[in-house]
Amino acid sequence: MSRERLPLPLQTKDFLDPRRAALVMWDMQNGLAGRAPRVASIRDNALKLLDAAERQKMPVIWSRHILPPLHLTTGPFLLFLMKKQKVDRPDKLVPTMQAGMEDTNFIDGLKPLPHHIVLEKSQPSLFVDTPLDLRLKTLGVDTLVIGGVATDIGIEFTCRHAAALGYFTVVVEDASGAYSDAAHERSLAFLRGWTTPVVDTATACRTLAEPR
């Protein structure tokens, strides 16, 4: 016997229904969110989202980016690291984002509560090599409400991957950011034309609190 499917979300209030959604805090750590130009306002809005999620008893999931040793890092991401570190050969790379490094600690003022779910990953999609899909199915969640850094990398990747796996996503634009305003806005423009509603923090918090 197949399970009854949740109604297809057609309006913002349908996506932002705490009975079907989980909040995702994307890479809110020193080496990633901590380097975003607008990190202070992102953190303030993230705190509002976290409070709203707690009030509605929504699951909260944090990603933590932990890279493998360089000799176990895939070729495409070696090239990515070379661009970030501005070196021309992989043997010039300096290890970064390793377990226990300051870069992997959550930014000041933000940290998971004991009942939150923290998933470590090394790819820009939270569905790759993590138990996210299993956790969502167990929780009965089909929608991810996402804030964090960076909009144009991990957040967009995860939204695309989520759709391929049958999940809905919502991006909270002022609780998210990138390393330039242009990159942030470019990604939001794509997501708006995709299957992902883009809302601000005030709208997200107000809608989550609406009576059902």
N, C-alpha and C. Protein backbone atom coordinates (compact mmCIF):
# COMPACT_ATOMS: atom_id res chain seq x y z
N MET A 1 0.85 -1.19 0.00
CA MET A 1 0.00 0.00 0.00
C MET A 1 0.89 1.24 0.00
N SER A 2 0.64 2.19 -0.91
CA SER A 2 1.45 3.39 -0.97
C SER A 2 0.98 4.39 0.08
N ARG A 3 1.94 5.18 0.59
CA ARG A 3 1.59 6.20 1.56
C ARG A 3 0.89 7.37 0.87
N GLU A 4 0.00 8.04 1.63
CA GLU A 4 -0.67 9.21 1.09
C GLU A 4 0.34 10.33 0.92
N ARG A 5 0.37 10.94 -0.25
CA ARG A 5 1.30 12.01 -0.52
C ARG A 5 0.76 13.32 0.04
N LEU A 6 1.67 14.17 0.51
CA LEU A 6 1.27 15.50 0.93
C LEU A 6 0.80 16.29 -0.29
N PRO A 7 -0.13 17.24 -0.10
CA PRO A 7 -0.59 18.03 -1.24
C PRO A 7 0.57 18.79 -1.89
N LEU A 8 0.50 18.95 -3.19
CA LEU A 8 1.52 19.70 -3.89
C LEU A 8 1.49 21.15 -3.42
N PRO A 9 2.64 21.71 -2.97
CA PRO A 9 2.63 23.11 -2.52
C PRO A 9 2.50 24.05 -3.72
N LEU A 10 1.51 24.93 -3.65
CA LEU A 10 1.25 25.85 -4.76
C LEU A 10 1.47 27.31 -4.37
N GLN A 11 1.40 27.60 -3.07
CA GLN A 11 1.61 28.96 -2.57
C GLN A 11 2.70 28.94 -1.52
N THR A 12 3.22 30.14 -1.22
CA THR A 12 4.29 30.24 -0.23
C THR A 12 3.90 29.58 1.08
N LYS A 13 2.66 29.78 1.53
CA LYS A 13 2.24 29.20 2.80
C LYS A 13 2.24 27.68 2.77
N ASP A 14 2.09 27.09 1.58
CA ASP A 14 2.11 25.63 1.46
C ASP A 14 3.54 25.10 1.65
N PHE A 15 4.51 25.80 1.07
CA PHE A 15 5.91 25.40 1.23
C PHE A 15 6.36 25.58 2.69
N LEU A 16 5.94 26.72 3.27
CA LEU A 16 6.38 27.05 4.63
C LEU A 16 5.38 26.54 5.65
N ASP A 17 5.08 25.28 5.55
CA ASP A 17 4.21 24.59 6.50
C ASP A 17 5.10 23.76 7.43
N PRO A 18 5.17 24.11 8.70
CA PRO A 18 6.08 23.40 9.61
C PRO A 18 5.81 21.91 9.75
N ARG A 19 4.65 21.47 9.29
CA ARG A 19 4.35 20.03 9.35
C ARG A 19 5.09 19.25 8.29
N ARG A 20 5.62 19.94 7.28
CA ARG A 20 6.30 19.24 6.19
C ARG A 20 7.75 19.68 6.03
N ALA A 21 8.19 20.69 6.79
CA ALA A 21 9.48 21.35 6.50
C ALA A 21 10.51 21.14 7.60
N ALA A 22 11.76 21.27 7.20
CA ALA A 22 12.89 21.34 8.13
C ALA A 22 13.73 22.56 7.76
N LEU A 23 14.35 23.17 8.75
CA LEU A 23 15.24 24.30 8.52
C LEU A 23 16.66 23.78 8.36
N VAL A 24 17.35 24.25 7.31
CA VAL A 24 18.75 23.89 7.07
C VAL A 24 19.61 25.13 7.24
N MET A 25 20.59 25.04 8.14
CA MET A 25 21.60 26.08 8.31
C MET A 25 22.85 25.62 7.55
N TRP A 26 23.11 26.31 6.44
CA TRP A 26 24.14 25.85 5.52
C TRP A 26 25.51 26.47 5.82
N ASP A 27 26.46 25.64 6.23
CA ASP A 27 27.88 26.01 6.37
C ASP A 27 28.09 27.30 7.16
N MET A 28 27.41 27.41 8.29
CA MET A 28 27.57 28.60 9.13
C MET A 28 28.84 28.48 9.99
N GLN A 29 29.97 28.31 9.33
CA GLN A 29 31.23 28.11 10.02
C GLN A 29 32.23 29.18 9.62
N ASN A 30 33.28 29.30 10.43
CA ASN A 30 34.22 30.41 10.28
C ASN A 30 34.83 30.50 8.88
N GLY A 31 35.22 29.36 8.33
CA GLY A 31 35.93 29.38 7.06
C GLY A 31 35.05 29.61 5.85
N LEU A 32 33.73 29.64 6.04
CA LEU A 32 32.80 29.82 4.91
C LEU A 32 31.88 31.00 5.18
N ALA A 33 30.84 30.83 5.97
CA ALA A 33 29.98 31.97 6.29
C ALA A 33 30.76 33.11 6.91
N GLY A 34 31.78 32.78 7.70
CA GLY A 34 32.57 33.81 8.37
C GLY A 34 33.30 34.73 7.43
N ARG A 35 33.44 34.35 6.17
CA ARG A 35 34.15 35.17 5.18
C ARG A 35 33.21 35.94 4.25
N ALA A 36 31.91 35.79 4.47
CA ALA A 36 30.93 36.50 3.63
C ALA A 36 30.87 37.97 4.06
N PRO A 37 30.78 38.88 3.10
CA PRO A 37 30.76 40.31 3.45
C PRO A 37 29.61 40.70 4.38
N ARG A 38 28.48 40.04 4.26
CA ARG A 38 27.29 40.41 5.03
C ARG A 38 27.01 39.41 6.15
N VAL A 39 28.06 38.85 6.74
CA VAL A 39 27.88 37.78 7.71
C VAL A 39 27.08 38.25 8.93
N ALA A 40 27.24 39.49 9.35
CA ALA A 40 26.53 39.95 10.56
C ALA A 40 25.02 39.91 10.35
N SER A 41 24.53 40.43 9.23
CA SER A 41 23.09 40.43 8.99
C SER A 41 22.58 39.01 8.71
N ILE A 42 23.39 38.19 8.05
CA ILE A 42 23.02 36.79 7.82
C ILE A 42 22.82 36.08 9.15
N ARG A 43 23.76 36.30 10.07
CA ARG A 43 23.65 35.66 11.40
C ARG A 43 22.40 36.14 12.13
N ASP A 44 22.13 37.45 12.10
CA ASP A 44 20.95 37.98 12.81
C ASP A 44 19.67 37.36 12.28
N ASN A 45 19.57 37.25 10.97
CA ASN A 45 18.37 36.66 10.38
C ASN A 45 18.30 35.15 10.61
N ALA A 46 19.45 34.50 10.61
CA ALA A 46 19.48 33.06 10.92
C ALA A 46 18.95 32.80 12.33
N LEU A 47 19.30 33.67 13.27
CA LEU A 47 18.82 33.50 14.63
C LEU A 47 17.30 33.63 14.70
N LYS A 48 16.73 34.52 13.90
CA LYS A 48 15.27 34.65 13.84
C LYS A 48 14.63 33.39 13.27
N LEU A 49 15.25 32.83 12.24
CA LEU A 49 14.73 31.59 11.66
C LEU A 49 14.80 30.44 12.66
N LEU A 50 15.91 30.36 13.37
CA LEU A 50 16.07 29.29 14.35
C LEU A 50 15.02 29.42 15.45
N ASP A 51 14.75 30.64 15.88
CA ASP A 51 13.72 30.84 16.90
C ASP A 51 12.35 30.41 16.38
N ALA A 52 12.06 30.78 15.14
CA ALA A 52 10.76 30.39 14.54
C ALA A 52 10.65 28.87 14.42
N ALA A 53 11.73 28.22 14.03
CA ALA A 53 11.72 26.76 13.90
C ALA A 53 11.50 26.09 15.26
N GLU A 54 12.15 26.62 16.29
CA GLU A 54 11.98 26.05 17.62
C GLU A 54 10.53 26.21 18.10
N ARG A 55 9.96 27.37 17.84
CA ARG A 55 8.58 27.61 18.27
C ARG A 55 7.60 26.64 17.60
N GLN A 56 7.91 26.27 16.35
CA GLN A 56 7.03 25.37 15.59
C GLN A 56 7.46 23.90 15.70
N LYS A 57 8.51 23.66 16.51
CA LYS A 57 9.02 22.30 16.70
C LYS A 57 9.44 21.65 15.37
N MET A 58 10.00 22.47 14.50
CA MET A 58 10.52 21.97 13.22
C MET A 58 11.90 21.36 13.42
N PRO A 59 12.22 20.31 12.66
CA PRO A 59 13.60 19.81 12.69
C PRO A 59 14.57 20.87 12.16
N VAL A 60 15.74 20.93 12.76
CA VAL A 60 16.79 21.84 12.31
C VAL A 60 18.03 21.01 11.97
N ILE A 61 18.56 21.25 10.78
CA ILE A 61 19.70 20.48 10.28
C ILE A 61 20.82 21.46 9.93
N TRP A 62 22.01 21.21 10.46
CA TRP A 62 23.18 22.03 10.18
C TRP A 62 24.16 21.24 9.31
N SER A 63 24.67 21.88 8.28
CA SER A 63 25.77 21.26 7.54
C SER A 63 27.09 21.79 8.10
N ARG A 64 28.08 20.92 8.12
CA ARG A 64 29.44 21.31 8.51
C ARG A 64 30.39 20.78 7.45
N HIS A 65 31.11 21.68 6.81
CA HIS A 65 31.99 21.30 5.71
C HIS A 65 33.34 20.85 6.27
N ILE A 66 33.63 19.56 6.11
CA ILE A 66 34.90 18.97 6.55
C ILE A 66 35.55 18.32 5.33
N LEU A 67 36.72 18.80 4.95
CA LEU A 67 37.39 18.24 3.78
C LEU A 67 38.25 17.05 4.15
N PRO A 68 38.40 16.09 3.23
CA PRO A 68 39.32 14.99 3.46
C PRO A 68 40.76 15.47 3.29
N PRO A 69 41.74 14.66 3.67
CA PRO A 69 43.13 15.02 3.37
C PRO A 69 43.30 15.25 1.86
N LEU A 70 44.26 16.06 1.50
CA LEU A 70 44.43 16.44 0.10
C LEU A 70 44.61 15.23 -0.81
N HIS A 71 45.27 14.17 -0.32
CA HIS A 71 45.51 13.02 -1.19
C HIS A 71 44.23 12.21 -1.43
N LEU A 72 43.16 12.50 -0.67
CA LEU A 72 41.87 11.84 -0.87
C LEU A 72 40.83 12.78 -1.48
N THR A 73 41.24 13.99 -1.85
CA THR A 73 40.34 14.96 -2.44
C THR A 73 40.23 14.72 -3.94
N THR A 74 39.01 14.76 -4.45
CA THR A 74 38.79 14.49 -5.88
C THR A 74 39.41 15.58 -6.75
N GLY A 75 39.71 15.21 -7.99
CA GLY A 75 40.35 16.13 -8.93
C GLY A 75 39.62 17.45 -9.11
N PRO A 76 38.30 17.44 -9.37
CA PRO A 76 37.60 18.71 -9.55
C PRO A 76 37.73 19.64 -8.35
N PHE A 77 37.74 19.06 -7.15
CA PHE A 77 37.83 19.92 -5.98
C PHE A 77 39.26 20.31 -5.65
N LEU A 78 40.23 19.55 -6.13
CA LEU A 78 41.61 20.05 -6.07
C LEU A 78 41.75 21.30 -6.93
N LEU A 79 41.15 21.26 -8.12
CA LEU A 79 41.19 22.44 -8.99
C LEU A 79 40.48 23.62 -8.34
N PHE A 80 39.35 23.36 -7.69
CA PHE A 80 38.61 24.41 -7.01
C PHE A 80 39.45 25.02 -5.89
N LEU A 81 40.13 24.16 -5.11
CA LEU A 81 40.98 24.66 -4.03
C LEU A 81 42.16 25.45 -4.57
N MET A 82 42.71 25.01 -5.72
CA MET A 82 43.81 25.74 -6.33
C MET A 82 43.39 27.16 -6.72
N LYS A 83 42.16 27.29 -7.23
CA LYS A 83 41.65 28.63 -7.57
C LYS A 83 41.48 29.47 -6.31
N LYS A 84 40.93 28.87 -5.26
CA LYS A 84 40.71 29.62 -4.03
C LYS A 84 42.02 30.06 -3.40
N GLN A 85 43.03 29.18 -3.45
CA GLN A 85 44.32 29.50 -2.83
C GLN A 85 45.28 30.19 -3.79
N LYS A 86 44.85 30.35 -5.05
CA LYS A 86 45.65 31.05 -6.06
C LYS A 86 47.03 30.41 -6.24
N VAL A 87 47.01 29.10 -6.44
CA VAL A 87 48.25 28.36 -6.73
C VAL A 87 48.08 27.65 -8.06
N ASP A 88 49.21 27.32 -8.70
CA ASP A 88 49.15 26.75 -10.05
C ASP A 88 49.41 25.25 -10.08
N ARG A 89 49.71 24.64 -8.92
CA ARG A 89 49.94 23.20 -8.87
C ARG A 89 49.36 22.64 -7.58
N PRO A 90 48.85 21.41 -7.62
CA PRO A 90 48.25 20.85 -6.41
C PRO A 90 49.24 20.66 -5.26
N ASP A 91 50.53 20.48 -5.59
CA ASP A 91 51.50 20.29 -4.50
C ASP A 91 51.77 21.57 -3.72
N LYS A 92 51.21 22.69 -4.19
CA LYS A 92 51.34 23.95 -3.46
C LYS A 92 50.16 24.21 -2.52
N LEU A 93 49.17 23.33 -2.57
CA LEU A 93 47.99 23.53 -1.73
C LEU A 93 48.32 23.37 -0.25
N VAL A 94 47.67 24.18 0.55
CA VAL A 94 47.77 24.08 2.01
C VAL A 94 46.49 23.44 2.53
N PRO A 95 46.57 22.44 3.39
CA PRO A 95 45.35 21.81 3.92
C PRO A 95 44.43 22.86 4.56
N THR A 96 43.16 22.72 4.30
CA THR A 96 42.17 23.65 4.84
C THR A 96 40.89 22.91 5.16
N MET A 97 40.09 23.46 6.05
CA MET A 97 38.79 22.90 6.41
C MET A 97 38.88 21.45 6.88
N GLN A 98 39.97 21.13 7.56
CA GLN A 98 40.13 19.78 8.11
C GLN A 98 39.46 19.71 9.48
N ALA A 99 39.10 18.52 9.88
CA ALA A 99 38.47 18.33 11.19
C ALA A 99 39.35 18.92 12.29
N GLY A 100 38.74 19.69 13.17
CA GLY A 100 39.46 20.29 14.29
C GLY A 100 40.05 21.65 14.01
N MET A 101 40.07 22.09 12.75
CA MET A 101 40.57 23.41 12.42
C MET A 101 39.56 24.49 12.79
N GLU A 102 40.06 25.69 13.04
CA GLU A 102 39.18 26.81 13.37
C GLU A 102 38.17 27.09 12.27
N ASP A 103 38.56 26.84 11.02
CA ASP A 103 37.66 27.07 9.88
C ASP A 103 36.37 26.26 9.97
N THR A 104 36.40 25.15 10.69
CA THR A 104 35.22 24.28 10.75
C THR A 104 34.31 24.58 11.94
N ASN A 105 34.74 25.49 12.82
CA ASN A 105 33.90 25.87 13.96
C ASN A 105 32.78 26.80 13.51
N PHE A 106 31.63 26.68 14.12
CA PHE A 106 30.51 27.56 13.78
C PHE A 106 30.82 28.99 14.22
N ILE A 107 30.29 29.96 13.46
CA ILE A 107 30.59 31.36 13.74
C ILE A 107 30.05 31.77 15.11
N ASP A 108 30.67 32.78 15.69
CA ASP A 108 30.25 33.26 17.01
C ASP A 108 28.78 33.62 17.00
N GLY A 109 28.07 33.19 18.03
CA GLY A 109 26.66 33.52 18.16
C GLY A 109 25.73 32.53 17.52
N LEU A 110 26.28 31.52 16.84
CA LEU A 110 25.45 30.50 16.21
C LEU A 110 26.02 29.13 16.51
N LYS A 111 25.19 28.25 17.02
CA LYS A 111 25.62 26.87 17.20
C LYS A 111 24.40 25.98 17.34
N PRO A 112 24.53 24.73 16.94
CA PRO A 112 23.39 23.81 17.05
C PRO A 112 23.01 23.56 18.51
N LEU A 113 21.73 23.36 18.74
CA LEU A 113 21.25 22.91 20.03
C LEU A 113 21.39 21.39 20.10
N PRO A 114 21.37 20.82 21.30
CA PRO A 114 21.60 19.38 21.42
C PRO A 114 20.67 18.51 20.59
N HIS A 115 19.43 18.94 20.36
CA HIS A 115 18.49 18.11 19.61
C HIS A 115 18.54 18.37 18.10
N HIS A 116 19.38 19.30 17.66
CA HIS A 116 19.52 19.53 16.22
C HIS A 116 20.36 18.43 15.58
N ILE A 117 20.24 18.33 14.27
CA ILE A 117 21.00 17.34 13.50
C ILE A 117 22.16 18.05 12.83
N VAL A 118 23.38 17.56 13.02
CA VAL A 118 24.56 18.12 12.37
C VAL A 118 25.11 17.07 11.41
N LEU A 119 25.21 17.44 10.14
CA LEU A 119 25.71 16.51 9.13
C LEU A 119 27.02 17.04 8.55
N GLU A 120 28.06 16.22 8.63
CA GLU A 120 29.34 16.59 8.02
C GLU A 120 29.34 16.16 6.56
N LYS A 121 29.92 17.01 5.71
CA LYS A 121 29.95 16.70 4.28
C LYS A 121 31.20 17.34 3.69
N SER A 122 31.56 16.89 2.48
CA SER A 122 32.73 17.45 1.81
C SER A 122 32.41 17.86 0.38
N GLN A 123 31.12 17.82 0.02
CA GLN A 123 30.68 18.20 -1.32
C GLN A 123 29.66 19.33 -1.20
N PRO A 124 29.40 20.06 -2.29
CA PRO A 124 28.49 21.20 -2.20
C PRO A 124 27.00 20.83 -2.21
N SER A 125 26.68 19.55 -2.15
CA SER A 125 25.30 19.13 -1.96
C SER A 125 25.21 18.35 -0.66
N LEU A 126 24.23 18.68 0.15
CA LEU A 126 24.07 17.98 1.43
C LEU A 126 23.53 16.56 1.26
N PHE A 127 23.16 16.21 0.04
CA PHE A 127 22.68 14.86 -0.22
C PHE A 127 23.79 13.88 -0.60
N VAL A 128 25.00 14.37 -0.82
CA VAL A 128 26.11 13.50 -1.25
C VAL A 128 26.86 12.97 -0.03
N ASP A 129 26.88 11.65 0.09
CA ASP A 129 27.63 10.97 1.15
C ASP A 129 27.24 11.40 2.56
N THR A 130 25.96 11.71 2.75
CA THR A 130 25.43 11.97 4.09
C THR A 130 24.11 11.21 4.23
N PRO A 131 23.61 11.05 5.46
CA PRO A 131 22.32 10.37 5.65
C PRO A 131 21.12 11.32 5.54
N LEU A 132 21.28 12.46 4.88
CA LEU A 132 20.18 13.43 4.84
C LEU A 132 18.89 12.84 4.31
N ASP A 133 18.95 12.16 3.18
CA ASP A 133 17.74 11.60 2.58
C ASP A 133 17.02 10.67 3.56
N LEU A 134 17.77 9.82 4.24
CA LEU A 134 17.19 8.90 5.23
C LEU A 134 16.59 9.67 6.40
N ARG A 135 17.29 10.70 6.88
CA ARG A 135 16.76 11.49 8.00
C ARG A 135 15.44 12.17 7.62
N LEU A 136 15.38 12.73 6.42
CA LEU A 136 14.17 13.42 5.99
C LEU A 136 13.00 12.45 5.86
N LYS A 137 13.26 11.30 5.28
CA LYS A 137 12.19 10.30 5.15
C LYS A 137 11.71 9.85 6.53
N THR A 138 12.62 9.67 7.46
CA THR A 138 12.25 9.24 8.81
C THR A 138 11.42 10.31 9.51
N LEU A 139 11.76 11.57 9.27
CA LEU A 139 11.05 12.68 9.90
C LEU A 139 9.75 13.03 9.19
N GLY A 140 9.53 12.48 8.00
CA GLY A 140 8.35 12.82 7.22
C GLY A 140 8.42 14.21 6.61
N VAL A 141 9.65 14.67 6.32
CA VAL A 141 9.88 16.00 5.77
C VAL A 141 10.05 15.92 4.26
N ASP A 142 9.39 16.85 3.53
CA ASP A 142 9.60 16.89 2.08
C ASP A 142 10.03 18.27 1.59
N THR A 143 10.28 19.20 2.53
CA THR A 143 10.65 20.56 2.16
C THR A 143 11.79 21.06 3.04
N LEU A 144 12.81 21.65 2.40
CA LEU A 144 13.94 22.24 3.11
C LEU A 144 13.86 23.76 3.01
N VAL A 145 13.91 24.42 4.15
CA VAL A 145 13.97 25.88 4.21
C VAL A 145 15.43 26.22 4.53
N ILE A 146 16.10 26.92 3.63
CA ILE A 146 17.56 27.01 3.70
C ILE A 146 18.05 28.44 3.88
N GLY A 147 19.01 28.60 4.79
CA GLY A 147 19.76 29.83 4.94
C GLY A 147 21.22 29.49 5.14
N GLY A 148 22.11 30.41 4.80
CA GLY A 148 23.53 30.16 5.01
C GLY A 148 24.38 30.70 3.88
N VAL A 149 25.58 30.16 3.77
CA VAL A 149 26.58 30.63 2.79
C VAL A 149 27.25 29.41 2.18
N ALA A 150 27.37 29.32 0.88
CA ALA A 150 27.17 30.39 -0.09
C ALA A 150 25.99 30.05 -1.00
N THR A 151 25.20 31.08 -1.30
CA THR A 151 24.02 30.91 -2.12
C THR A 151 24.31 30.24 -3.45
N ASP A 152 25.38 30.71 -4.10
CA ASP A 152 25.68 30.27 -5.47
C ASP A 152 26.46 28.97 -5.53
N ILE A 153 26.83 28.41 -4.39
CA ILE A 153 27.58 27.14 -4.39
C ILE A 153 26.70 26.08 -3.72
N GLY A 154 26.89 25.87 -2.44
CA GLY A 154 26.20 24.77 -1.78
C GLY A 154 24.70 24.89 -1.72
N ILE A 155 24.19 26.11 -1.51
CA ILE A 155 22.72 26.24 -1.42
C ILE A 155 22.08 25.92 -2.75
N GLU A 156 22.60 26.49 -3.83
CA GLU A 156 22.01 26.20 -5.15
C GLU A 156 22.19 24.73 -5.52
N PHE A 157 23.38 24.18 -5.28
CA PHE A 157 23.61 22.76 -5.57
C PHE A 157 22.58 21.91 -4.84
N THR A 158 22.37 22.19 -3.56
CA THR A 158 21.46 21.38 -2.75
C THR A 158 20.02 21.52 -3.22
N CYS A 159 19.62 22.73 -3.61
CA CYS A 159 18.26 22.92 -4.14
C CYS A 159 18.06 22.11 -5.42
N ARG A 160 19.03 22.13 -6.31
CA ARG A 160 18.92 21.36 -7.55
C ARG A 160 18.85 19.86 -7.24
N HIS A 161 19.72 19.40 -6.35
CA HIS A 161 19.78 17.98 -6.01
C HIS A 161 18.49 17.56 -5.32
N ALA A 162 17.97 18.43 -4.44
CA ALA A 162 16.72 18.12 -3.73
C ALA A 162 15.59 17.86 -4.72
N ALA A 163 15.48 18.72 -5.72
CA ALA A 163 14.41 18.55 -6.71
C ALA A 163 14.55 17.23 -7.45
N ALA A 164 15.79 16.84 -7.76
CA ALA A 164 16.01 15.58 -8.46
C ALA A 164 15.58 14.38 -7.61
N LEU A 165 15.60 14.57 -6.29
CA LEU A 165 15.22 13.48 -5.38
C LEU A 165 13.77 13.59 -4.90
N GLY A 166 13.05 14.61 -5.39
CA GLY A 166 11.63 14.73 -5.04
C GLY A 166 11.33 15.63 -3.87
N TYR A 167 12.32 16.43 -3.42
CA TYR A 167 12.10 17.35 -2.30
C TYR A 167 11.89 18.77 -2.81
N PHE A 168 11.14 19.55 -2.03
CA PHE A 168 10.95 20.97 -2.30
C PHE A 168 11.95 21.78 -1.47
N THR A 169 12.24 22.98 -1.93
CA THR A 169 13.15 23.86 -1.19
C THR A 169 12.61 25.29 -1.19
N VAL A 170 12.98 26.01 -0.14
CA VAL A 170 12.71 27.44 -0.02
C VAL A 170 14.02 28.08 0.43
N VAL A 171 14.44 29.16 -0.22
CA VAL A 171 15.65 29.87 0.19
C VAL A 171 15.25 31.19 0.85
N VAL A 172 15.83 31.45 2.01
CA VAL A 172 15.58 32.70 2.72
C VAL A 172 16.69 33.67 2.35
N GLU A 173 16.36 34.64 1.51
CA GLU A 173 17.38 35.44 0.83
C GLU A 173 18.23 36.29 1.76
N ASP A 174 17.66 36.87 2.81
CA ASP A 174 18.46 37.74 3.68
C ASP A 174 19.07 36.98 4.85
N ALA A 175 18.83 35.68 4.92
CA ALA A 175 19.55 34.81 5.85
C ALA A 175 20.57 33.97 5.10
N SER A 176 20.80 34.33 3.84
CA SER A 176 21.77 33.64 2.98
C SER A 176 22.70 34.68 2.38
N GLY A 177 23.82 34.22 1.86
CA GLY A 177 24.74 35.15 1.22
C GLY A 177 25.81 34.42 0.44
N ALA A 178 26.57 35.20 -0.31
CA ALA A 178 27.69 34.67 -1.08
C ALA A 178 28.88 35.58 -0.83
N TYR A 179 29.93 35.40 -1.61
CA TYR A 179 31.13 36.20 -1.41
C TYR A 179 31.12 37.47 -2.24
N SER A 180 30.04 37.68 -2.98
CA SER A 180 29.77 38.96 -3.64
C SER A 180 28.28 39.08 -3.80
N ASP A 181 27.78 40.32 -3.81
CA ASP A 181 26.35 40.54 -4.00
C ASP A 181 25.91 40.04 -5.38
N ALA A 182 26.78 40.19 -6.38
CA ALA A 182 26.43 39.76 -7.74
C ALA A 182 26.20 38.25 -7.79
N ALA A 183 27.08 37.48 -7.13
CA ALA A 183 26.92 36.03 -7.12
C ALA A 183 25.65 35.63 -6.39
N HIS A 184 25.36 36.29 -5.29
CA HIS A 184 24.15 36.02 -4.51
C HIS A 184 22.90 36.27 -5.35
N GLU A 185 22.84 37.44 -5.99
CA GLU A 185 21.66 37.81 -6.76
C GLU A 185 21.50 36.93 -8.01
N ARG A 186 22.61 36.56 -8.63
CA ARG A 186 22.55 35.69 -9.81
C ARG A 186 21.95 34.34 -9.45
N SER A 187 22.35 33.81 -8.32
CA SER A 187 21.83 32.51 -7.91
C SER A 187 20.36 32.60 -7.51
N LEU A 188 20.00 33.67 -6.80
CA LEU A 188 18.59 33.84 -6.43
C LEU A 188 17.71 33.96 -7.66
N ALA A 189 18.21 34.66 -8.69
CA ALA A 189 17.43 34.80 -9.93
C ALA A 189 17.18 33.45 -10.57
N PHE A 190 18.21 32.58 -10.57
CA PHE A 190 18.02 31.24 -11.11
C PHE A 190 16.99 30.47 -10.28
N LEU A 191 17.13 30.51 -8.95
CA LEU A 191 16.26 29.73 -8.08
C LEU A 191 14.80 30.18 -8.21
N ARG A 192 14.59 31.48 -8.35
CA ARG A 192 13.21 31.98 -8.54
C ARG A 192 12.58 31.41 -9.80
N GLY A 193 13.38 31.20 -10.83
CA GLY A 193 12.87 30.64 -12.07
C GLY A 193 12.85 29.13 -12.09
N TRP A 194 13.34 28.54 -11.05
CA TRP A 194 13.41 27.09 -10.89
C TRP A 194 12.19 26.67 -10.10
N THR A 195 12.28 25.76 -9.17
CA THR A 195 11.12 25.33 -8.38
C THR A 195 11.22 25.81 -6.94
N THR A 196 12.08 26.79 -6.68
CA THR A 196 12.40 27.19 -5.31
C THR A 196 11.86 28.58 -5.00
N PRO A 197 10.86 28.71 -4.13
CA PRO A 197 10.47 30.05 -3.68
C PRO A 197 11.61 30.74 -2.94
N VAL A 198 11.74 32.03 -3.13
CA VAL A 198 12.73 32.84 -2.43
C VAL A 198 11.97 33.87 -1.61
N VAL A 199 12.18 33.88 -0.30
CA VAL A 199 11.45 34.78 0.60
C VAL A 199 12.44 35.45 1.54
N ASP A 200 11.98 36.50 2.22
CA ASP A 200 12.83 37.11 3.23
C ASP A 200 12.52 36.51 4.60
N THR A 201 13.34 36.86 5.59
CA THR A 201 13.20 36.26 6.92
C THR A 201 11.86 36.59 7.55
N ALA A 202 11.44 37.84 7.42
CA ALA A 202 10.16 38.23 8.04
C ALA A 202 9.01 37.42 7.47
N THR A 203 9.00 37.22 6.16
CA THR A 203 7.95 36.43 5.53
C THR A 203 8.00 34.98 6.00
N ALA A 204 9.20 34.43 6.04
CA ALA A 204 9.35 33.03 6.46
C ALA A 204 8.85 32.84 7.88
N CYS A 205 9.27 33.70 8.80
CA CYS A 205 8.88 33.55 10.20
C CYS A 205 7.38 33.74 10.38
N ARG A 206 6.83 34.75 9.71
CA ARG A 206 5.40 35.01 9.82
C ARG A 206 4.56 33.86 9.27
N THR A 207 4.99 33.32 8.13
CA THR A 207 4.23 32.24 7.50
C THR A 207 4.32 30.96 8.30
N LEU A 208 5.49 30.66 8.83
CA LEU A 208 5.63 29.44 9.65
C LEU A 208 4.72 29.47 10.87
N ALA A 209 4.45 30.67 11.36
CA ALA A 209 3.64 30.81 12.58
C ALA A 209 2.15 30.86 12.31
N GLU A 210 1.72 30.88 11.06
CA GLU A 210 0.30 30.97 10.74
C GLU A 210 -0.45 29.72 11.22
N PRO A 211 -1.67 29.88 11.72
CA PRO A 211 -2.46 28.72 12.14
C PRO A 211 -2.74 27.82 10.93
N ARG A 212 -2.77 26.53 11.16
CA ARG A 212 -3.06 25.56 10.09
C ARG A 212 -4.38 24.85 10.38
